[in-house]
Amino acid sequence: MLQNAAISAGIDLVSLSPGTPVLDTTSGLSKITVGVSATGTYFDVTDFMYQIETLPRAAVVTNLSLAPGEASQTGVPLLTLTATIQTYTSDTSAGPGSEPGPTSGGNA
């Protein structure tokens, strides 16, 4: 979902690093922290933040850092984005290298 949000916003993903899911026993949801590095124009970055805000799965940007980057081939100034995003899922088996499991709705 985050990769699709980046593509839709027009930013270039440098890296997308999902962490290990952590089960919150209070809510029954798994929280997955994802590190994101990307480059894009100011408008690309703001569109990416909007794409994250409107994802069908809950996601929270917990850290965002912007730095000036090099200009694009067309001379438009670029920004370097570094962010930490927390995503949530009811699939307790979700995460890097895991096998998809049933969600609370019973779908695989």
PDB file of N, CA and C in Angstrom:
ATOM      1  N   MET A   1       0.804  -1.194   0.000  1.00  0.00           N
ATOM      2  CA  MET A   1       0.000   0.000   0.000  1.00  0.00           C
ATOM      3  C   MET A   1       0.851   1.264   0.000  1.00  0.00           C
ATOM      4  N   LEU A   2       1.940   1.256   0.778  1.00  0.00           N
ATOM      5  CA  LEU A   2       2.798   2.444   0.825  1.00  0.00           C
ATOM      6  C   LEU A   2       3.508   2.653  -0.506  1.00  0.00           C
ATOM      7  N   GLN A   3       3.903   1.558  -1.148  1.00  0.00           N
ATOM      8  CA  GLN A   3       4.554   1.681  -2.444  1.00  0.00           C
ATOM      9  C   GLN A   3       3.580   2.256  -3.472  1.00  0.00           C
ATOM     10  N   ASN A   4       2.331   1.806  -3.451  1.00  0.00           N
ATOM     11  CA  ASN A   4       1.331   2.349  -4.371  1.00  0.00           C
ATOM     12  C   ASN A   4       1.066   3.818  -4.089  1.00  0.00           C
ATOM     13  N   ALA A   5       1.072   4.208  -2.819  1.00  0.00           N
ATOM     14  CA  ALA A   5       0.881   5.617  -2.458  1.00  0.00           C
ATOM     15  C   ALA A   5       2.024   6.463  -3.014  1.00  0.00           C
ATOM     16  N   ALA A   6       3.252   5.944  -2.935  1.00  0.00           N
ATOM     17  CA  ALA A   6       4.410   6.662  -3.464  1.00  0.00           C
ATOM     18  C   ALA A   6       4.317   6.805  -4.979  1.00  0.00           C
ATOM     19  N   ILE A   7       3.943   5.734  -5.652  1.00  0.00           N
ATOM     20  CA  ILE A   7       3.801   5.776  -7.111  1.00  0.00           C
ATOM     21  C   ILE A   7       2.733   6.785  -7.506  1.00  0.00           C
ATOM     22  N   SER A   8       1.598   6.738  -6.815  1.00  0.00           N
ATOM     23  CA  SER A   8       0.498   7.653  -7.112  1.00  0.00           C
ATOM     24  C   SER A   8       0.900   9.112  -6.894  1.00  0.00           C
ATOM     25  N   ALA A   9       1.728   9.359  -5.868  1.00  0.00           N
ATOM     26  CA  ALA A   9       2.155  10.724  -5.555  1.00  0.00           C
ATOM     27  C   ALA A   9       3.286  11.202  -6.458  1.00  0.00           C
ATOM     28  N   GLY A  10       3.971  10.282  -7.126  1.00  0.00           N
ATOM     29  CA  GLY A  10       5.053  10.659  -8.025  1.00  0.00           C
ATOM     30  C   GLY A  10       6.404  10.802  -7.357  1.00  0.00           C
ATOM     31  N   ILE A  11       6.543  10.309  -6.121  1.00  0.00           N
ATOM     32  CA  ILE A  11       7.863  10.376  -5.490  1.00  0.00           C
ATOM     33  C   ILE A  11       8.656   9.126  -5.846  1.00  0.00           C
ATOM     34  N   ASP A  12       9.973   9.238  -5.750  1.00  0.00           N
ATOM     35  CA  ASP A  12      10.861   8.099  -6.022  1.00  0.00           C
ATOM     36  C   ASP A  12      11.257   7.473  -4.691  1.00  0.00           C
ATOM     37  N   LEU A  13      10.826   6.226  -4.478  1.00  0.00           N
ATOM     38  CA  LEU A  13      11.205   5.515  -3.258  1.00  0.00           C
ATOM     39  C   LEU A  13      12.664   5.098  -3.336  1.00  0.00           C
ATOM     40  N   VAL A  14      13.424   5.434  -2.327  1.00  0.00           N
ATOM     41  CA  VAL A  14      14.801   4.992  -2.220  1.00  0.00           C
ATOM     42  C   VAL A  14      14.820   3.681  -1.438  1.00  0.00           C
ATOM     43  N   SER A  15      14.043   3.637  -0.333  1.00  0.00           N
ATOM     44  CA  SER A  15      13.933   2.405   0.441  1.00  0.00           C
ATOM     45  C   SER A  15      12.617   2.375   1.202  1.00  0.00           C
ATOM     46  N   LEU A  16      12.160   1.158   1.434  1.00  0.00           N
ATOM     47  CA  LEU A  16      10.947   0.880   2.200  1.00  0.00           C
ATOM     48  C   LEU A  16      11.307  -0.305   3.093  1.00  0.00           C
ATOM     49  N   SER A  17      11.419  -0.067   4.404  1.00  0.00           N
ATOM     50  CA  SER A  17      11.932  -1.084   5.319  1.00  0.00           C
ATOM     51  C   SER A  17      10.914  -1.433   6.396  1.00  0.00           C
ATOM     52  N   PRO A  18      10.100  -2.477   6.165  1.00  0.00           N
ATOM     53  CA  PRO A  18       9.130  -2.871   7.195  1.00  0.00           C
ATOM     54  C   PRO A  18       9.811  -3.589   8.347  1.00  0.00           C
ATOM     55  N   GLY A  19       9.328  -3.304   9.557  1.00  0.00           N
ATOM     56  CA  GLY A  19       9.846  -3.972  10.741  1.00  0.00           C
ATOM     57  C   GLY A  19       9.026  -5.206  11.071  1.00  0.00           C
ATOM     58  N   THR A  20       9.341  -5.821  12.179  1.00  0.00           N
ATOM     59  CA  THR A  20       8.627  -6.994  12.651  1.00  0.00           C
ATOM     60  C   THR A  20       7.314  -6.568  13.298  1.00  0.00           C
ATOM     61  N   PRO A  21       6.213  -7.243  12.973  1.00  0.00           N
ATOM     62  CA  PRO A  21       4.926  -6.878  13.578  1.00  0.00           C
ATOM     63  C   PRO A  21       4.949  -7.090  15.095  1.00  0.00           C
ATOM     64  N   VAL A  22       4.291  -6.193  15.793  1.00  0.00           N
ATOM     65  CA  VAL A  22       4.173  -6.284  17.243  1.00  0.00           C
ATOM     66  C   VAL A  22       2.689  -6.287  17.582  1.00  0.00           C
ATOM     67  N   LEU A  23       2.236  -7.332  18.275  1.00  0.00           N
ATOM     68  CA  LEU A  23       0.824  -7.458  18.621  1.00  0.00           C
ATOM     69  C   LEU A  23       0.494  -6.578  19.815  1.00  0.00           C
ATOM     70  N   ASP A  24      -0.529  -5.750  19.664  1.00  0.00           N
ATOM     71  CA  ASP A  24      -1.074  -4.950  20.765  1.00  0.00           C
ATOM     72  C   ASP A  24      -2.230  -5.750  21.342  1.00  0.00           C
ATOM     73  N   THR A  25      -2.026  -6.333  22.517  1.00  0.00           N
ATOM     74  CA  THR A  25      -3.045  -7.209  23.094  1.00  0.00           C
ATOM     75  C   THR A  25      -4.306  -6.452  23.485  1.00  0.00           C
ATOM     76  N   THR A  26      -4.208  -5.157  23.711  1.00  0.00           N
ATOM     77  CA  THR A  26      -5.379  -4.368  24.068  1.00  0.00           C
ATOM     78  C   THR A  26      -6.337  -4.240  22.891  1.00  0.00           C
ATOM     79  N   SER A  27      -5.793  -3.905  21.715  1.00  0.00           N
ATOM     80  CA  SER A  27      -6.642  -3.701  20.535  1.00  0.00           C
ATOM     81  C   SER A  27      -6.786  -4.965  19.693  1.00  0.00           C
ATOM     82  N   GLY A  28      -5.847  -5.903  19.835  1.00  0.00           N
ATOM     83  CA  GLY A  28      -5.855  -7.104  19.009  1.00  0.00           C
ATOM     84  C   GLY A  28      -5.275  -6.863  17.626  1.00  0.00           C
ATOM     85  N   LEU A  29      -4.671  -5.697  17.409  1.00  0.00           N
ATOM     86  CA  LEU A  29      -4.082  -5.368  16.113  1.00  0.00           C
ATOM     87  C   LEU A  29      -2.569  -5.522  16.171  1.00  0.00           C
ATOM     88  N   SER A  30      -1.986  -5.832  15.033  1.00  0.00           N
ATOM     89  CA  SER A  30      -0.536  -5.849  14.913  1.00  0.00           C
ATOM     90  C   SER A  30      -0.081  -4.504  14.357  1.00  0.00           C
ATOM     91  N   LYS A  31       0.964  -3.948  14.963  1.00  0.00           N
ATOM     92  CA  LYS A  31       1.545  -2.687  14.505  1.00  0.00           C
ATOM     93  C   LYS A  31       2.837  -3.017  13.780  1.00  0.00           C
ATOM     94  N   ILE A  32       2.978  -2.480  12.575  1.00  0.00           N
ATOM     95  CA  ILE A  32       4.185  -2.689  11.781  1.00  0.00           C
ATOM     96  C   ILE A  32       4.810  -1.324  11.512  1.00  0.00           C
ATOM     97  N   THR A  33       6.021  -1.119  12.017  1.00  0.00           N
ATOM     98  CA  THR A  33       6.727   0.133  11.791  1.00  0.00           C
ATOM     99  C   THR A  33       7.503   0.018  10.480  1.00  0.00           C
ATOM    100  N   VAL A  34       7.352   1.023   9.622  1.00  0.00           N
ATOM    101  CA  VAL A  34       7.986   1.013   8.303  1.00  0.00           C
ATOM    102  C   VAL A  34       8.852   2.266   8.157  1.00  0.00           C
ATOM    103  N   GLY A  35      10.126   2.062   7.818  1.00  0.00           N
ATOM    104  CA  GLY A  35      11.015   3.175   7.497  1.00  0.00           C
ATOM    105  C   GLY A  35      10.927   3.474   6.010  1.00  0.00           C
ATOM    106  N   VAL A  36      10.817   4.757   5.667  1.00  0.00           N
ATOM    107  CA  VAL A  36      10.677   5.166   4.270  1.00  0.00           C
ATOM    108  C   VAL A  36      11.707   6.247   3.953  1.00  0.00           C
ATOM    109  N   SER A  37      12.396   6.083   2.841  1.00  0.00           N
ATOM    110  CA  SER A  37      13.270   7.123   2.290  1.00  0.00           C
ATOM    111  C   SER A  37      12.835   7.352   0.854  1.00  0.00           C
ATOM    112  N   ALA A  38      12.720   8.623   0.474  1.00  0.00           N
ATOM    113  CA  ALA A  38      12.249   8.944  -0.875  1.00  0.00           C
ATOM    114  C   ALA A  38      12.718  10.334  -1.279  1.00  0.00           C
ATOM    115  N   THR A  39      12.594  10.626  -2.566  1.00  0.00           N
ATOM    116  CA  THR A  39      12.873  11.970  -3.072  1.00  0.00           C
ATOM    117  C   THR A  39      11.711  12.405  -3.949  1.00  0.00           C
ATOM    118  N   GLY A  40      11.473  13.707  -3.956  1.00  0.00           N
ATOM    119  CA  GLY A  40      10.416  14.254  -4.792  1.00  0.00           C
ATOM    120  C   GLY A  40      10.295  15.755  -4.583  1.00  0.00           C
ATOM    121  N   THR A  41       9.433  16.363  -5.350  1.00  0.00           N
ATOM    122  CA  THR A  41       9.199  17.794  -5.188  1.00  0.00           C
ATOM    123  C   THR A  41       8.348  18.022  -3.940  1.00  0.00           C
ATOM    124  N   TYR A  42       8.230  19.265  -3.539  1.00  0.00           N
ATOM    125  CA  TYR A  42       7.388  19.606  -2.394  1.00  0.00           C
ATOM    126  C   TYR A  42       5.972  19.075  -2.606  1.00  0.00           C
ATOM    127  N   PHE A  43       5.436  19.272  -3.806  1.00  0.00           N
ATOM    128  CA  PHE A  43       4.069  18.841  -4.094  1.00  0.00           C
ATOM    129  C   PHE A  43       3.942  17.318  -4.113  1.00  0.00           C
ATOM    130  N   ASP A  44       4.986  16.616  -4.570  1.00  0.00           N
ATOM    131  CA  ASP A  44       4.995  15.146  -4.515  1.00  0.00           C
ATOM    132  C   ASP A  44       4.949  14.667  -3.067  1.00  0.00           C
ATOM    133  N   VAL A  45       5.744  15.305  -2.216  1.00  0.00           N
ATOM    134  CA  VAL A  45       5.803  14.913  -0.797  1.00  0.00           C
ATOM    135  C   VAL A  45       4.459  15.158  -0.112  1.00  0.00           C
ATOM    136  N   THR A  46       3.855  16.325  -0.348  1.00  0.00           N
ATOM    137  CA  THR A  46       2.565  16.599   0.287  1.00  0.00           C
ATOM    138  C   THR A  46       1.495  15.643  -0.242  1.00  0.00           C
ATOM    139  N   ASP A  47       1.558  15.288  -1.512  1.00  0.00           N
ATOM    140  CA  ASP A  47       0.604  14.318  -2.054  1.00  0.00           C
ATOM    141  C   ASP A  47       0.827  12.939  -1.442  1.00  0.00           C
ATOM    142  N   PHE A  48       2.084  12.557  -1.210  1.00  0.00           N
ATOM    143  CA  PHE A  48       2.388  11.279  -0.568  1.00  0.00           C
ATOM    144  C   PHE A  48       1.794  11.239   0.845  1.00  0.00           C
ATOM    145  N   MET A  49       1.941  12.322   1.590  1.00  0.00           N
ATOM    146  CA  MET A  49       1.358  12.381   2.939  1.00  0.00           C
ATOM    147  C   MET A  49      -0.170  12.250   2.869  1.00  0.00           C
ATOM    148  N   TYR A  50      -0.783  12.879   1.877  1.00  0.00           N
ATOM    149  CA  TYR A  50      -2.233  12.752   1.691  1.00  0.00           C
ATOM    150  C   TYR A  50      -2.612  11.310   1.342  1.00  0.00           C
ATOM    151  N   GLN A  51      -1.826  10.672   0.477  1.00  0.00           N
ATOM    152  CA  GLN A  51      -2.087   9.281   0.094  1.00  0.00           C
ATOM    153  C   GLN A  51      -2.033   8.365   1.330  1.00  0.00           C
ATOM    154  N   ILE A  52      -1.074   8.617   2.218  1.00  0.00           N
ATOM    155  CA  ILE A  52      -0.966   7.819   3.445  1.00  0.00           C
ATOM    156  C   ILE A  52      -2.178   8.068   4.336  1.00  0.00           C
ATOM    157  N   GLU A  53      -2.566   9.335   4.451  1.00  0.00           N
ATOM    158  CA  GLU A  53      -3.714   9.708   5.294  1.00  0.00           C
ATOM    159  C   GLU A  53      -5.003   9.027   4.835  1.00  0.00           C
ATOM    160  N   THR A  54      -5.134   8.777   3.551  1.00  0.00           N
ATOM    161  CA  THR A  54      -6.375   8.229   3.001  1.00  0.00           C
ATOM    162  C   THR A  54      -6.275   6.751   2.615  1.00  0.00           C
ATOM    163  N   LEU A  55      -5.247   6.055   3.107  1.00  0.00           N
ATOM    164  CA  LEU A  55      -5.127   4.617   2.851  1.00  0.00           C
ATOM    165  C   LEU A  55      -6.312   3.873   3.450  1.00  0.00           C
ATOM    166  N   PRO A  56      -6.696   2.735   2.856  1.00  0.00           N
ATOM    167  CA  PRO A  56      -7.785   1.949   3.446  1.00  0.00           C
ATOM    168  C   PRO A  56      -7.384   1.291   4.769  1.00  0.00           C
ATOM    169  N   ARG A  57      -6.100   1.175   5.039  1.00  0.00           N
ATOM    170  CA  ARG A  57      -5.596   0.618   6.304  1.00  0.00           C
ATOM    171  C   ARG A  57      -5.063   1.780   7.137  1.00  0.00           C
ATOM    172  N   ALA A  58      -5.288   1.716   8.452  1.00  0.00           N
ATOM    173  CA  ALA A  58      -4.811   2.779   9.338  1.00  0.00           C
ATOM    174  C   ALA A  58      -3.292   2.888   9.266  1.00  0.00           C
ATOM    175  N   ALA A  59      -2.811   4.119   9.149  1.00  0.00           N
ATOM    176  CA  ALA A  59      -1.377   4.387   9.119  1.00  0.00           C
ATOM    177  C   ALA A  59      -1.131   5.734   9.789  1.00  0.00           C
ATOM    178  N   VAL A  60      -0.043   5.815  10.567  1.00  0.00           N
ATOM    179  CA  VAL A  60       0.301   7.037  11.278  1.00  0.00           C
ATOM    180  C   VAL A  60       1.755   7.374  10.969  1.00  0.00           C
ATOM    181  N   VAL A  61       2.002   8.594  10.524  1.00  0.00           N
ATOM    182  CA  VAL A  61       3.367   9.063  10.310  1.00  0.00           C
ATOM    183  C   VAL A  61       3.866   9.556  11.667  1.00  0.00           C
ATOM    184  N   THR A  62       4.847   8.852  12.232  1.00  0.00           N
ATOM    185  CA  THR A  62       5.328   9.202  13.574  1.00  0.00           C
ATOM    186  C   THR A  62       6.595  10.049  13.546  1.00  0.00           C
ATOM    187  N   ASN A  63       7.271  10.098  12.393  1.00  0.00           N
ATOM    188  CA  ASN A  63       8.480  10.894  12.255  1.00  0.00           C
ATOM    189  C   ASN A  63       8.622  11.277  10.795  1.00  0.00           C
ATOM    190  N   LEU A  64       8.928  12.538  10.542  1.00  0.00           N
ATOM    191  CA  LEU A  64       9.108  13.009   9.172  1.00  0.00           C
ATOM    192  C   LEU A  64      10.246  14.014   9.158  1.00  0.00           C
ATOM    193  N   SER A  65      11.199  13.789   8.271  1.00  0.00           N
ATOM    194  CA  SER A  65      12.319  14.694   8.115  1.00  0.00           C
ATOM    195  C   SER A  65      12.459  15.028   6.634  1.00  0.00           C
ATOM    196  N   LEU A  66      12.603  16.311   6.335  1.00  0.00           N
ATOM    197  CA  LEU A  66      12.803  16.763   4.961  1.00  0.00           C
ATOM    198  C   LEU A  66      14.111  17.520   4.873  1.00  0.00           C
ATOM    199  N   ALA A  67      14.833  17.307   3.781  1.00  0.00           N
ATOM    200  CA  ALA A  67      16.087  18.014   3.547  1.00  0.00           C
ATOM    201  C   ALA A  67      16.152  18.395   2.077  1.00  0.00           C
ATOM    202  N   PRO A  68      16.829  19.503   1.779  1.00  0.00           N
ATOM    203  CA  PRO A  68      16.966  19.868   0.365  1.00  0.00           C
ATOM    204  C   PRO A  68      17.785  18.823  -0.376  1.00  0.00           C
ATOM    205  N   GLY A  69      17.338  18.500  -1.564  1.00  0.00           N
ATOM    206  CA  GLY A  69      18.058  17.562  -2.409  1.00  0.00           C
ATOM    207  C   GLY A  69      18.572  18.283  -3.637  1.00  0.00           C
ATOM    208  N   GLU A  70      19.027  17.519  -4.594  1.00  0.00           N
ATOM    209  CA  GLU A  70      19.487  18.102  -5.849  1.00  0.00           C
ATOM    210  C   GLU A  70      18.286  18.488  -6.699  1.00  0.00           C
ATOM    211  N   ALA A  71      18.518  19.322  -7.683  1.00  0.00           N
ATOM    212  CA  ALA A  71      17.451  19.702  -8.610  1.00  0.00           C
ATOM    213  C   ALA A  71      17.222  18.572  -9.604  1.00  0.00           C
ATOM    214  N   SER A  72      15.977  18.447 -10.055  1.00  0.00           N
ATOM    215  CA  SER A  72      15.655  17.437 -11.064  1.00  0.00           C
ATOM    216  C   SER A  72      16.261  17.835 -12.402  1.00  0.00           C
ATOM    217  N   GLN A  73      16.121  16.975 -13.405  1.00  0.00           N
ATOM    218  CA  GLN A  73      16.651  17.262 -14.729  1.00  0.00           C
ATOM    219  C   GLN A  73      15.990  18.488 -15.344  1.00  0.00           C
ATOM    220  N   THR A  74      14.778  18.802 -14.896  1.00  0.00           N
ATOM    221  CA  THR A  74      14.077  19.979 -15.414  1.00  0.00           C
ATOM    222  C   THR A  74      14.355  21.218 -14.580  1.00  0.00           C
ATOM    223  N   GLY A  75      15.216  21.092 -13.540  1.00  0.00           N
ATOM    224  CA  GLY A  75      15.583  22.232 -12.715  1.00  0.00           C
ATOM    225  C   GLY A  75      14.690  22.444 -11.502  1.00  0.00           C
ATOM    226  N   VAL A  76      13.693  21.589 -11.319  1.00  0.00           N
ATOM    227  CA  VAL A  76      12.799  21.708 -10.170  1.00  0.00           C
ATOM    228  C   VAL A  76      13.530  21.207  -8.931  1.00  0.00           C
ATOM    229  N   PRO A  77      13.530  21.988  -7.833  1.00  0.00           N
ATOM    230  CA  PRO A  77      14.217  21.517  -6.627  1.00  0.00           C
ATOM    231  C   PRO A  77      13.527  20.293  -6.023  1.00  0.00           C
ATOM    232  N   LEU A  78      14.326  19.341  -5.568  1.00  0.00           N
ATOM    233  CA  LEU A  78      13.801  18.121  -4.959  1.00  0.00           C
ATOM    234  C   LEU A  78      14.068  18.127  -3.457  1.00  0.00           C
ATOM    235  N   LEU A  79      13.244  17.384  -2.735  1.00  0.00           N
ATOM    236  CA  LEU A  79      13.419  17.189  -1.309  1.00  0.00           C
ATOM    237  C   LEU A  79      13.751  15.727  -1.055  1.00  0.00           C
ATOM    238  N   THR A  80      14.541  15.479  -0.028  1.00  0.00           N
ATOM    239  CA  THR A  80      14.802  14.128   0.439  1.00  0.00           C
ATOM    240  C   THR A  80      13.943  13.910   1.675  1.00  0.00           C
ATOM    241  N   LEU A  81      13.126  12.871   1.642  1.00  0.00           N
ATOM    242  CA  LEU A  81      12.201  12.562   2.723  1.00  0.00           C
ATOM    243  C   LEU A  81      12.688  11.331   3.463  1.00  0.00           C
ATOM    244  N   THR A  82      12.674  11.400   4.786  1.00  0.00           N
ATOM    245  CA  THR A  82      12.911  10.245   5.633  1.00  0.00           C
ATOM    246  C   THR A  82      11.756  10.211   6.620  1.00  0.00           C
ATOM    247  N   ALA A  83      11.055   9.080   6.700  1.00  0.00           N
ATOM    248  CA  ALA A  83       9.881   8.999   7.562  1.00  0.00           C
ATOM    249  C   ALA A  83       9.787   7.653   8.233  1.00  0.00           C
ATOM    250  N   THR A  84       9.092   7.648   9.362  1.00  0.00           N
ATOM    251  CA  THR A  84       8.714   6.424  10.043  1.00  0.00           C
ATOM    252  C   THR A  84       7.191   6.387  10.066  1.00  0.00           C
ATOM    253  N   ILE A  85       6.637   5.295   9.563  1.00  0.00           N
ATOM    254  CA  ILE A  85       5.187   5.154   9.459  1.00  0.00           C
ATOM    255  C   ILE A  85       4.779   3.888  10.191  1.00  0.00           C
ATOM    256  N   GLN A  86       3.761   3.996  11.010  1.00  0.00           N
ATOM    257  CA  GLN A  86       3.218   2.827  11.689  1.00  0.00           C
ATOM    258  C   GLN A  86       1.937   2.422  10.988  1.00  0.00           C
ATOM    259  N   THR A  87       1.885   1.167  10.536  1.00  0.00           N
ATOM    260  CA  THR A  87       0.673   0.633   9.917  1.00  0.00           C
ATOM    261  C   THR A  87       0.087  -0.415  10.854  1.00  0.00           C
ATOM    262  N   TYR A  88      -1.192  -0.659  10.702  1.00  0.00           N
ATOM    263  CA  TYR A  88      -1.894  -1.572  11.592  1.00  0.00           C
ATOM    264  C   TYR A  88      -2.665  -2.595  10.775  1.00  0.00           C
ATOM    265  N   THR A  89      -2.741  -3.810  11.306  1.00  0.00           N
ATOM    266  CA  THR A  89      -3.483  -4.866  10.636  1.00  0.00           C
ATOM    267  C   THR A  89      -4.083  -5.802  11.675  1.00  0.00           C
ATOM    268  N   SER A  90      -5.201  -6.419  11.309  1.00  0.00           N
ATOM    269  CA  SER A  90      -5.799  -7.427  12.195  1.00  0.00           C
ATOM    270  C   SER A  90      -5.232  -8.806  11.899  1.00  0.00           C
ATOM    271  N   ASP A  91      -4.390  -8.920  10.876  1.00  0.00           N
ATOM    272  CA  ASP A  91      -3.727 -10.175  10.522  1.00  0.00           C
ATOM    273  C   ASP A  91      -2.478 -10.307  11.390  1.00  0.00           C
ATOM    274  N   THR A  92      -2.548 -11.090  12.442  1.00  0.00           N
ATOM    275  CA  THR A  92      -1.430 -11.196  13.385  1.00  0.00           C
ATOM    276  C   THR A  92      -0.221 -11.899  12.794  1.00  0.00           C
ATOM    277  N   SER A  93      -0.358 -12.512  11.620  1.00  0.00           N
ATOM    278  CA  SER A  93       0.791 -13.165  10.987  1.00  0.00           C
ATOM    279  C   SER A  93       1.458 -12.261   9.956  1.00  0.00           C
ATOM    280  N   ALA A  94       1.009 -11.008   9.836  1.00  0.00           N
ATOM    281  CA  ALA A  94       1.545 -10.100   8.822  1.00  0.00           C
ATOM    282  C   ALA A  94       2.971  -9.686   9.153  1.00  0.00           C
ATOM    283  N   GLY A  95       3.768  -9.506   8.130  1.00  0.00           N
ATOM    284  CA  GLY A  95       5.122  -9.008   8.312  1.00  0.00           C
ATOM    285  C   GLY A  95       6.092  -9.650   7.349  1.00  0.00           C
ATOM    286  N   PRO A  96       7.327  -9.171   7.349  1.00  0.00           N
ATOM    287  CA  PRO A  96       8.332  -9.692   6.432  1.00  0.00           C
ATOM    288  C   PRO A  96       8.542 -11.193   6.620  1.00  0.00           C
ATOM    289  N   GLY A  97       8.446 -11.947   5.555  1.00  0.00           N
ATOM    290  CA  GLY A  97       8.712 -13.368   5.576  1.00  0.00           C
ATOM    291  C   GLY A  97       7.621 -14.225   6.178  1.00  0.00           C
ATOM    292  N   SER A  98       6.481 -13.619   6.534  1.00  0.00           N
ATOM    293  CA  SER A  98       5.418 -14.409   7.164  1.00  0.00           C
ATOM    294  C   SER A  98       4.460 -14.962   6.114  1.00  0.00           C
ATOM    295  N   GLU A  99       3.731 -15.966   6.508  1.00  0.00           N
ATOM    296  CA  GLU A  99       2.696 -16.536   5.655  1.00  0.00           C
ATOM    297  C   GLU A  99       1.381 -15.823   5.961  1.00  0.00           C
ATOM    298  N   PRO A 100       0.643 -15.393   4.947  1.00  0.00           N
ATOM    299  CA  PRO A 100      -0.633 -14.735   5.212  1.00  0.00           C
ATOM    300  C   PRO A 100      -1.554 -15.643   6.006  1.00  0.00           C
ATOM    301  N   GLY A 101      -2.205 -15.066   6.979  1.00  0.00           N
ATOM    302  CA  GLY A 101      -3.134 -15.807   7.811  1.00  0.00           C
ATOM    303  C   GLY A 101      -4.509 -15.178   7.756  1.00  0.00           C
ATOM    304  N   PRO A 102      -5.472 -15.764   8.434  1.00  0.00           N
ATOM    305  CA  PRO A 102      -6.825 -15.224   8.401  1.00  0.00           C
ATOM    306  C   PRO A 102      -6.898 -13.911   9.184  1.00  0.00           C
ATOM    307  N   THR A 103      -7.760 -13.021   8.746  1.00  0.00           N
ATOM    308  CA  THR A 103      -8.028 -11.802   9.482  1.00  0.00           C
ATOM    309  C   THR A 103      -9.244 -12.042  10.367  1.00  0.00           C
ATOM    310  N   SER A 104      -9.607 -11.056  11.129  1.00  0.00           N
ATOM    311  CA  SER A 104     -10.746 -11.237  12.030  1.00  0.00           C
ATOM    312  C   SER A 104     -12.035 -11.497  11.260  1.00  0.00           C
ATOM    313  N   GLY A 105     -12.075 -11.097   9.979  1.00  0.00           N
ATOM    314  CA  GLY A 105     -13.247 -11.355   9.142  1.00  0.00           C
ATOM    315  C   GLY A 105     -13.256 -12.754   8.563  1.00  0.00           C
ATOM    316  N   GLY A 106     -12.172 -13.517   8.767  1.00  0.00           N
ATOM    317  CA  GLY A 106     -12.119 -14.887   8.290  1.00  0.00           C
ATOM    318  C   GLY A 106     -11.590 -15.031   6.884  1.00  0.00           C
ATOM    319  N   ASN A 107     -11.190 -13.938   6.236  1.00  0.00           N
ATOM    320  CA  ASN A 107     -10.645 -14.005   4.873  1.00  0.00           C
ATOM    321  C   ASN A 107      -9.149 -14.186   4.931  1.00  0.00           C
ATOM    322  N   ALA A 108      -8.607 -14.906   3.971  1.00  0.00           N
ATOM    323  CA  ALA A 108      -7.157 -15.083   3.915  1.00  0.00           C
ATOM    324  C   ALA A 108      -6.503 -13.927   3.218  1.00  0.00           C
TER     325      ALA A 108
END
